[in-house]
Amino acid sequence: MTSQSSGPGEEPTQAYRDAWASMSLLAEKNGLSWSGRESNRVFLNLGVGRFSDISGLAGADWLTDGRACARLDWDGDGREDLLLRSRNAPRLRLMLNRWPRPGNWMQFDLVGTQCNRDAIGAQIFVEAGELRLRASVRAGEGFLAASSKRLHFGVGAENRAQRVRVRWPGGSLEEFEDLGSNQRWKLVQGAGQAVPVAAARAEALLASVPDPAQASAAAPTRVPLIASLPLGPLPIPSWGEPARTVADLAGSPVLINFWSPTCASCVDEFDLLKRRKIALDRLGLRIVPMLVEDDGSIAEARALLASYGFDALGGMLDERAKAAFGLVFQETLWDSDDMPLPCSLLLDRGGQLRVIYLGPVRFRELTQDLQTIAALPEDAIQDPRLCGGRVLIPRLRNLDKLAARFAELGLPEAAALYRSRQSDLATRMAR
């Protein structure tokens, strides 16, 4: 797609406006920001006018909707760390610099007396051996972010700076000579001397930081929803009732379990659920296993289910049901209709989705969630009890958009339900 852009002061051409509108509609339809699913990038300065992409090696190449990056020496070890801010979770990430051979460094705290106290706008020029370095004190960098006002210089193998010059806001110059490296220096405008400052290492904070080699990268397996999602009209065909919907299962909590005979974890999960069946029956749970692939061995799959006692409510997802639950995953987890196995959806007695389990369910989590949703009001759309804490900012889903997608899928009942739910939400918010 090409379009003609407009010059300064010119009205956008119709082709430009049409292209802009098309991209806006596409992003809105898919629930994405324009810069979503773009990995963070880290570039290493090779020192010869070239840079190397080391995003993967740095461990910062997350698919997050990044907003800002601030530099600071968080732990006071002379190595600059990074604080990353993203639109989506986790919204804050602190990346500690653990480079084992960082080289020598110098840091400067500037205090203005004849200019602004923070010396915003001041420039420092460092001469260390053959190095000629320069930095400025800034009030902000990037989008709604500010790096530390303490200026940091890496000086490699040099153990001192022969000369440090400061151009203060207003234009006055001040010079300092023979300053050692691996040291913080305080420079006060007009004082004429550099004062060494002892590094204040945050030992208590450092003790709470895990060793990077020991950090766990395990993904969450339990995803509770603050804002429930009604699934009543969605198709969930059983062996003998291909027109069954989620609404036909209302009246008691339901665990919809997506599985495949080729998934060893799925079969292990059935063994766990069978051993805990008496306890789960007491809580009123009905288990609905849904086969997600037809490899020609449905009879064997049903026989396997029967051996665990879960065949009665079981069934197999057809293409329309797969697409419907794919939209559910897109709305609640990610912009993909991929369905991890095993995966389970916990619904309350009214057919509202409350919790998603990625991977095998854990009995203790499942029973605690069943006890919690049993205490929820039937009309509770948003309730923090499954997540803990309080709801400070309501999480309101765009159900009109979801309704349009279900209408495109050929599920008018689901589309009507979400439009009605959106109208009810608007009425509640207006009160």
Protein backbone atom coordinates (compact mmCIF):
# COMPACT_ATOMS: atom_id res chain seq x y z
CA MET A 1 0.00 0.00 0.00
CA THR A 2 1.39 3.41 -0.90
CA SER A 3 0.10 6.87 -0.18
CA GLN A 4 1.26 10.39 -0.84
CA SER A 5 2.28 12.27 2.27
CA SER A 6 1.75 15.96 2.77
CA GLY A 7 4.35 18.64 3.26
CA PRO A 8 4.45 21.11 6.15
CA GLY A 9 1.33 23.28 6.24
CA GLU A 10 -0.42 21.25 3.55
CA GLU A 11 -3.72 19.43 3.90
CA PRO A 12 -3.34 15.61 3.82
CA THR A 13 -4.23 14.08 0.48
CA GLN A 14 -7.26 11.81 0.24
CA ALA A 15 -5.01 8.79 -0.33
CA TYR A 16 -3.10 9.65 2.86
CA ARG A 17 -6.33 10.02 4.85
CA ASP A 18 -7.67 6.71 3.48
CA ALA A 19 -4.44 4.87 4.37
CA TRP A 20 -4.47 6.37 7.87
CA ALA A 21 -8.10 5.35 8.39
CA SER A 22 -7.45 1.81 7.13
CA MET A 23 -4.52 1.30 9.51
CA SER A 24 -6.55 2.71 12.41
CA LEU A 25 -9.45 0.36 11.74
CA LEU A 26 -7.11 -2.62 11.40
CA ALA A 27 -5.38 -1.88 14.71
CA GLU A 28 -8.69 -1.27 16.47
CA LYS A 29 -10.28 -4.44 15.09
CA ASN A 30 -7.44 -6.58 16.37
CA GLY A 31 -7.24 -4.84 19.74
CA LEU A 32 -3.61 -3.82 19.22
CA SER A 33 -1.60 -0.65 19.57
CA TRP A 34 0.32 0.31 16.45
CA SER A 35 3.62 -0.58 18.05
CA GLY A 36 2.41 -3.76 19.75
CA ARG A 37 4.28 -7.08 19.47
CA GLU A 38 7.53 -5.36 18.52
CA SER A 39 10.47 -6.64 20.53
CA ASN A 40 12.75 -4.26 22.42
CA ARG A 41 16.11 -3.70 20.75
CA VAL A 42 19.54 -3.24 22.34
CA PHE A 43 22.49 -2.06 20.22
CA LEU A 44 26.15 -2.36 21.20
CA ASN A 45 28.38 0.54 20.16
CA LEU A 46 31.39 -1.02 18.43
CA GLY A 47 33.27 2.29 18.63
CA VAL A 48 33.91 2.58 14.89
CA GLY A 49 30.66 4.23 13.85
CA ARG A 50 28.87 0.89 13.79
CA PHE A 51 26.44 -0.87 16.12
CA SER A 52 25.60 -4.54 16.68
CA ASP A 53 22.13 -5.80 17.61
CA ILE A 54 22.55 -7.74 20.88
CA SER A 55 18.88 -7.74 21.93
CA GLY A 56 18.74 -11.49 22.52
CA LEU A 57 22.06 -11.62 24.37
CA ALA A 58 21.00 -8.75 26.63
CA GLY A 59 17.77 -10.53 27.52
CA ALA A 60 15.69 -7.44 26.76
CA ASP A 61 13.96 -8.59 23.56
CA TRP A 62 10.49 -8.89 25.09
CA LEU A 63 7.42 -8.49 22.90
CA THR A 64 6.16 -5.57 24.96
CA ASP A 65 4.59 -2.30 23.94
CA GLY A 66 7.55 -0.26 25.17
CA ARG A 67 7.12 3.37 26.18
CA ALA A 68 10.27 4.57 27.93
CA CYS A 69 13.79 3.61 28.98
CA ALA A 70 15.64 5.40 31.79
CA ARG A 71 19.32 5.00 32.76
CA LEU A 72 20.45 4.96 36.38
CA ASP A 73 22.97 3.29 38.67
CA TRP A 74 20.30 1.68 40.85
CA ASP A 75 22.59 -0.42 43.02
CA GLY A 76 25.54 2.01 43.23
CA ASP A 77 28.12 -0.35 41.72
CA GLY A 78 29.33 1.99 38.98
CA ARG A 79 27.48 0.13 36.22
CA GLU A 80 24.47 1.81 34.63
CA ASP A 81 21.19 -0.09 34.90
CA LEU A 82 18.00 0.30 32.87
CA LEU A 83 14.43 0.91 33.98
CA LEU A 84 11.92 -0.02 31.27
CA ARG A 85 8.30 1.18 31.15
CA SER A 86 5.74 -0.59 28.94
CA ARG A 87 2.06 -0.13 28.19
CA ASN A 88 1.26 -3.77 28.91
CA ALA A 89 2.30 -5.96 31.82
CA PRO A 90 4.75 -6.09 33.40
CA ARG A 91 4.69 -2.32 33.15
CA LEU A 92 7.97 -1.80 34.98
CA ARG A 93 11.14 -3.84 34.53
CA LEU A 94 14.49 -3.18 36.16
CA MET A 95 17.48 -4.58 34.27
CA LEU A 96 20.56 -4.78 36.49
CA ASN A 97 23.90 -4.46 34.74
CA ARG A 98 25.94 -7.49 35.79
CA TRP A 99 28.69 -7.21 33.17
CA PRO A 100 31.73 -8.89 34.85
CA ARG A 101 34.41 -6.63 33.30
CA PRO A 102 32.83 -3.19 33.03
CA GLY A 103 36.02 -1.12 32.97
CA ASN A 104 36.61 2.11 34.91
CA TRP A 105 34.00 4.79 35.36
CA MET A 106 33.30 8.26 36.74
CA GLN A 107 30.07 9.85 37.94
CA PHE A 108 29.27 13.52 38.52
CA ASP A 109 26.57 15.21 40.60
CA LEU A 110 26.17 18.84 39.52
CA VAL A 111 24.72 21.52 41.82
CA GLY A 112 23.89 24.94 40.41
CA THR A 113 24.22 28.08 42.52
CA GLN A 114 23.92 30.82 39.90
CA CYS A 115 21.67 28.74 37.63
CA ASN A 116 18.91 26.24 38.42
CA ARG A 117 19.88 24.02 41.36
CA ASP A 118 19.67 20.78 39.33
CA ALA A 119 21.97 22.31 36.68
CA ILE A 120 19.57 21.25 33.91
CA GLY A 121 21.27 22.13 30.64
CA ALA A 122 24.84 21.94 31.95
CA GLN A 123 27.45 20.12 29.85
CA ILE A 124 30.47 18.14 31.08
CA PHE A 125 33.57 17.49 28.96
CA VAL A 126 35.89 14.72 30.20
CA GLU A 127 39.45 14.24 28.96
CA ALA A 128 40.91 10.89 30.09
CA GLY A 129 43.98 9.75 28.19
CA GLU A 130 42.96 9.69 24.53
CA LEU A 131 39.25 9.74 25.38
CA ARG A 132 37.17 12.85 24.78
CA LEU A 133 33.70 12.43 26.28
CA ARG A 134 30.72 14.74 26.67
CA ALA A 135 27.30 14.59 28.34
CA SER A 136 24.49 16.95 29.29
CA VAL A 137 22.16 17.15 32.28
CA ARG A 138 18.63 16.64 30.98
CA ALA A 139 15.21 17.00 32.54
CA GLY A 140 13.67 14.20 30.49
CA GLU A 141 14.35 11.51 27.92
CA GLY A 142 11.85 9.62 25.81
CA PHE A 143 8.15 9.50 26.56
CA LEU A 144 7.28 10.68 30.11
CA ALA A 145 10.65 9.51 31.47
CA ALA A 146 13.84 10.94 32.88
CA SER A 147 17.18 9.26 33.41
CA SER A 148 19.26 9.99 36.49
CA LYS A 149 20.68 13.52 36.62
CA ARG A 150 23.94 11.98 37.86
CA LEU A 151 26.12 11.86 34.77
CA HIS A 152 27.98 8.61 34.15
CA PHE A 153 31.12 8.16 32.05
CA GLY A 154 32.83 4.92 31.11
CA VAL A 155 36.56 5.57 30.76
CA GLY A 156 37.79 2.07 29.95
CA ALA A 157 41.30 1.39 31.23
CA GLU A 158 41.97 5.02 32.23
CA ASN A 159 42.40 5.43 35.99
CA ARG A 160 41.91 9.20 36.02
CA ALA A 161 40.69 12.17 34.03
CA GLN A 162 43.35 14.78 33.35
CA ARG A 163 40.74 17.50 32.87
CA VAL A 164 37.01 17.90 33.43
CA ARG A 165 35.27 21.04 32.18
CA VAL A 166 31.72 22.12 33.00
CA ARG A 167 29.75 24.61 30.94
CA TRP A 168 27.02 25.76 33.31
CA PRO A 169 23.64 27.06 32.11
CA GLY A 170 24.24 30.69 31.24
CA GLY A 171 27.59 29.95 29.58
CA SER A 172 30.12 30.16 32.42
CA LEU A 173 32.97 27.61 32.32
CA GLU A 174 34.63 25.85 35.23
CA GLU A 175 37.56 23.44 35.09
CA PHE A 176 38.69 20.63 37.38
CA GLU A 177 41.94 18.66 37.04
CA ASP A 178 43.29 15.23 37.90
CA LEU A 179 40.14 13.42 39.07
CA GLY A 180 40.38 9.70 39.81
CA SER A 181 38.14 7.10 38.20
CA ASN A 182 35.77 4.63 39.89
CA GLN A 183 34.53 7.53 41.97
CA ARG A 184 31.47 9.78 42.30
CA TRP A 185 32.29 13.50 42.29
CA LYS A 186 30.17 16.42 43.44
CA LEU A 187 30.71 19.62 41.45
CA VAL A 188 29.17 22.79 42.94
CA GLN A 189 29.03 25.79 40.65
CA GLY A 190 31.65 28.36 41.67
CA ALA A 191 33.22 26.20 44.40
CA GLY A 192 36.36 25.56 42.37
CA GLN A 193 36.94 22.02 43.61
CA ALA A 194 35.53 18.55 43.08
CA VAL A 195 34.34 16.76 46.22
CA PRO A 196 34.48 12.92 46.29
CA VAL A 197 31.21 11.27 47.33
CA ALA A 198 31.09 7.80 48.86
CA ALA A 199 28.94 5.40 46.85
CA ALA A 200 25.77 4.46 48.73
CA ARG A 201 25.18 0.84 47.80
CA ALA A 202 21.67 -0.35 48.51
CA GLU A 203 22.72 -3.54 50.30
CA ALA A 204 19.23 -4.34 51.61
CA LEU A 205 17.78 -4.00 48.14
CA LEU A 206 20.62 -5.96 46.57
CA ALA A 207 20.04 -8.84 48.98
CA SER A 208 16.48 -9.18 47.69
CA VAL A 209 17.51 -9.49 44.04
CA PRO A 210 17.87 -13.10 42.86
CA ASP A 211 20.97 -14.27 41.07
CA PRO A 212 20.22 -13.92 37.34
CA ALA A 213 21.34 -17.52 36.81
CA GLN A 214 18.74 -18.66 39.34
CA ALA A 215 15.86 -16.44 38.19
CA SER A 216 12.76 -18.34 37.22
CA ALA A 217 11.36 -17.75 33.75
CA ALA A 218 8.31 -19.92 34.27
CA ALA A 219 5.16 -18.52 32.73
CA PRO A 220 2.06 -18.13 34.90
CA THR A 221 -0.23 -21.18 34.88
CA ARG A 222 -3.28 -19.60 36.53
CA VAL A 223 -4.87 -16.52 34.97
CA PRO A 224 -7.80 -15.14 37.00
CA LEU A 225 -10.03 -12.59 35.30
CA ILE A 226 -10.96 -9.44 37.15
CA ALA A 227 -13.64 -8.80 34.52
CA SER A 228 -15.62 -11.96 33.81
CA LEU A 229 -16.60 -12.96 30.28
CA PRO A 230 -19.98 -14.64 29.59
CA LEU A 231 -19.71 -17.68 27.30
CA GLY A 232 -23.32 -18.93 27.33
CA PRO A 233 -24.07 -18.90 23.56
CA LEU A 234 -20.74 -20.43 22.52
CA PRO A 235 -20.93 -23.85 20.86
CA ILE A 236 -19.46 -26.75 22.81
CA PRO A 237 -20.64 -29.87 20.94
CA SER A 238 -20.85 -33.15 22.84
CA TRP A 239 -20.64 -36.66 21.38
CA GLY A 240 -24.40 -37.00 21.16
CA GLU A 241 -25.52 -33.37 21.08
CA PRO A 242 -23.67 -31.40 18.38
CA ALA A 243 -25.81 -28.27 19.02
CA ARG A 244 -24.91 -28.04 22.72
CA THR A 245 -23.87 -24.61 23.99
CA VAL A 246 -22.18 -23.46 27.18
CA ALA A 247 -25.57 -22.25 28.42
CA ASP A 248 -26.78 -25.86 28.48
CA LEU A 249 -24.22 -26.52 31.21
CA ALA A 250 -25.37 -23.66 33.48
CA GLY A 251 -26.44 -24.28 37.05
CA SER A 252 -23.12 -25.42 38.53
CA PRO A 253 -19.44 -24.58 38.03
CA VAL A 254 -17.84 -26.12 34.94
CA LEU A 255 -14.26 -26.90 34.02
CA ILE A 256 -13.89 -27.01 30.23
CA ASN A 257 -10.74 -29.00 29.56
CA PHE A 258 -9.08 -28.87 26.12
CA TRP A 259 -7.02 -31.98 25.46
CA SER A 260 -5.54 -34.41 22.96
CA PRO A 261 -4.58 -38.10 23.33
CA THR A 262 -1.13 -37.23 22.00
CA CYS A 263 -0.55 -34.82 24.91
CA ALA A 264 1.01 -36.75 27.80
CA SER A 265 0.32 -33.91 30.27
CA CYS A 266 -3.36 -34.05 29.31
CA VAL A 267 -3.60 -37.73 30.24
CA ASP A 268 -1.71 -37.14 33.50
CA GLU A 269 -4.20 -34.40 34.31
CA PHE A 270 -7.13 -36.81 33.91
CA ASP A 271 -5.42 -39.13 36.39
CA LEU A 272 -5.19 -36.29 38.93
CA LEU A 273 -8.81 -35.25 38.41
CA LYS A 274 -9.97 -38.84 38.79
CA ARG A 275 -8.13 -39.20 42.11
CA ARG A 276 -9.69 -35.95 43.35
CA LYS A 277 -13.16 -36.58 41.89
CA ILE A 278 -14.97 -37.07 45.22
CA ALA A 279 -13.70 -33.75 46.57
CA LEU A 280 -14.55 -31.96 43.32
CA ASP A 281 -18.03 -33.49 43.26
CA ARG A 282 -18.67 -32.04 46.72
CA LEU A 283 -17.93 -28.59 45.27
CA GLY A 284 -20.40 -29.24 42.44
CA LEU A 285 -17.81 -29.15 39.66
CA ARG A 286 -18.65 -30.72 36.30
CA ILE A 287 -15.70 -31.59 34.07
CA VAL A 288 -16.23 -31.20 30.31
CA PRO A 289 -13.25 -32.56 28.33
CA MET A 290 -13.15 -31.29 24.74
CA LEU A 291 -11.00 -33.05 22.16
CA VAL A 292 -9.29 -30.43 19.98
CA GLU A 293 -8.05 -32.56 17.09
CA ASP A 294 -9.52 -35.29 14.92
CA ASP A 295 -6.77 -37.70 14.00
CA GLY A 296 -9.15 -40.51 13.11
CA SER A 297 -9.03 -42.17 16.52
CA ILE A 298 -12.11 -40.70 18.20
CA ALA A 299 -13.16 -44.14 19.44
CA GLU A 300 -9.83 -44.60 21.20
CA ALA A 301 -10.06 -41.08 22.66
CA ARG A 302 -13.54 -41.79 24.02
CA ALA A 303 -12.37 -45.08 25.48
CA LEU A 304 -9.52 -43.26 27.22
CA LEU A 305 -11.96 -40.72 28.68
CA ALA A 306 -14.30 -43.50 29.81
CA SER A 307 -11.44 -45.22 31.63
CA TYR A 308 -11.12 -42.10 33.78
CA GLY A 309 -14.88 -41.59 34.12
CA PHE A 310 -15.07 -38.34 32.11
CA ASP A 311 -16.76 -39.45 28.88
CA ALA A 312 -20.36 -38.46 29.77
CA LEU A 313 -19.99 -34.70 29.18
CA GLY A 314 -17.11 -34.92 26.68
CA GLY A 315 -17.07 -33.92 23.06
CA MET A 316 -14.90 -32.64 20.22
CA LEU A 317 -14.49 -29.08 19.01
CA ASP A 318 -15.60 -28.51 15.43
CA GLU A 319 -14.15 -25.69 13.36
CA ARG A 320 -16.75 -23.16 14.45
CA ALA A 321 -16.26 -23.98 18.12
CA LYS A 322 -12.48 -23.74 17.71
CA ALA A 323 -12.86 -20.31 16.15
CA ALA A 324 -15.23 -19.20 18.92
CA PHE A 325 -12.88 -20.20 21.72
CA GLY A 326 -10.00 -18.75 19.72
CA LEU A 327 -11.73 -15.37 20.07
CA VAL A 328 -12.01 -15.99 23.81
CA PHE A 329 -8.25 -16.53 24.03
CA GLN A 330 -7.61 -13.42 21.95
CA GLU A 331 -9.81 -11.34 24.25
CA THR A 332 -8.32 -12.61 27.51
CA LEU A 333 -4.71 -13.62 26.85
CA TRP A 334 -3.05 -12.81 23.55
CA ASP A 335 -3.66 -11.95 19.92
CA SER A 336 -3.60 -15.52 18.71
CA ASP A 337 -6.11 -18.33 18.37
CA ASP A 338 -3.48 -20.92 19.29
CA MET A 339 -4.74 -23.19 22.06
CA PRO A 340 -2.05 -24.53 24.42
CA LEU A 341 -2.55 -28.07 25.71
CA PRO A 342 -3.62 -28.89 28.26
CA CYS A 343 -5.69 -25.81 28.97
CA SER A 344 -8.83 -25.39 31.07
CA LEU A 345 -11.49 -22.73 31.54
CA LEU A 346 -13.28 -22.45 34.89
CA LEU A 347 -16.82 -21.13 34.54
CA ASP A 348 -19.17 -20.12 37.34
CA ARG A 349 -22.71 -21.46 37.61
CA GLY A 350 -23.95 -18.73 35.25
CA GLY A 351 -21.55 -19.66 32.43
CA GLN A 352 -19.15 -16.76 32.99
CA LEU A 353 -15.44 -17.37 32.48
CA ARG A 354 -13.58 -16.65 35.73
CA VAL A 355 -10.19 -18.41 35.58
CA ILE A 356 -7.94 -19.83 32.85
CA TYR A 357 -5.43 -22.58 33.64
CA LEU A 358 -2.51 -22.94 31.24
CA GLY A 359 -1.03 -26.38 31.63
CA PRO A 360 -2.32 -29.02 34.05
CA VAL A 361 -4.61 -27.71 36.78
CA ARG A 362 -3.38 -27.75 40.37
CA PHE A 363 -5.88 -29.26 42.77
CA ARG A 364 -5.33 -26.74 45.56
CA GLU A 365 -5.73 -23.76 43.22
CA LEU A 366 -8.82 -25.29 41.63
CA THR A 367 -10.57 -25.96 44.95
CA GLN A 368 -9.74 -22.49 46.26
CA ASP A 369 -11.10 -20.92 43.08
CA LEU A 370 -14.28 -23.01 43.29
CA GLN A 371 -14.86 -21.85 46.86
CA THR A 372 -14.26 -18.23 45.87
CA ILE A 373 -16.60 -18.17 42.87
CA ALA A 374 -19.29 -19.89 44.94
CA ALA A 375 -19.32 -16.80 47.15
CA LEU A 376 -19.51 -14.30 44.26
CA PRO A 377 -22.85 -12.64 43.44
CA GLU A 378 -24.32 -14.04 40.24
CA ASP A 379 -24.32 -10.59 38.62
CA ALA A 380 -20.73 -9.81 39.66
CA ILE A 381 -19.04 -8.59 36.47
CA GLN A 382 -15.90 -7.29 38.16
CA ASP A 383 -14.70 -8.71 41.44
CA PRO A 384 -11.12 -8.74 42.75
CA ARG A 385 -11.50 -11.71 45.09
CA LEU A 386 -10.03 -14.19 42.60
CA CYS A 387 -6.99 -11.95 42.13
CA GLY A 388 -6.62 -10.43 45.57
CA GLY A 389 -6.49 -6.72 46.36
CA ARG A 390 -8.99 -4.14 45.19
CA VAL A 391 -10.17 -2.84 41.82
CA LEU A 392 -8.87 0.72 41.59
CA ILE A 393 -9.39 1.18 37.86
CA PRO A 394 -12.32 -0.75 36.32
CA ARG A 395 -11.34 -3.17 33.55
CA LEU A 396 -14.12 -2.65 31.03
CA ARG A 397 -14.01 -4.88 27.99
CA ASN A 398 -14.99 -3.56 24.58
CA LEU A 399 -17.86 -6.01 24.14
CA ASP A 400 -19.23 -4.19 21.08
CA LYS A 401 -16.02 -5.05 19.25
CA LEU A 402 -16.22 -8.64 20.47
CA ALA A 403 -19.88 -8.79 19.36
CA ALA A 404 -18.88 -7.72 15.86
CA ARG A 405 -16.26 -10.48 15.66
CA PHE A 406 -18.74 -13.15 16.78
CA ALA A 407 -21.26 -11.84 14.23
CA GLU A 408 -18.61 -12.27 11.52
CA LEU A 409 -18.11 -15.83 12.77
CA GLY A 410 -21.80 -16.60 12.28
CA LEU A 411 -22.77 -16.68 15.97
CA PRO A 412 -25.57 -14.07 16.24
CA GLU A 413 -26.65 -15.23 19.71
CA ALA A 414 -23.19 -14.52 21.12
CA ALA A 415 -23.08 -11.18 19.31
CA ALA A 416 -26.46 -10.21 20.78
CA LEU A 417 -25.37 -11.21 24.29
CA TYR A 418 -22.25 -9.05 24.16
CA ARG A 419 -24.16 -6.05 22.77
CA SER A 420 -26.69 -6.41 25.59
CA ARG A 421 -23.89 -6.76 28.15
CA GLN A 422 -22.20 -3.63 26.77
CA SER A 423 -25.47 -1.70 27.14
CA ASP A 424 -25.83 -2.90 30.75
CA LEU A 425 -22.26 -1.80 31.52
CA ALA A 426 -22.91 1.64 30.05
CA THR A 427 -26.02 1.97 32.22
CA ARG A 428 -24.13 0.96 35.36
CA MET A 429 -21.30 3.40 34.66
CA ALA A 430 -23.81 6.22 34.12
CA ARG A 431 -25.28 5.76 37.61
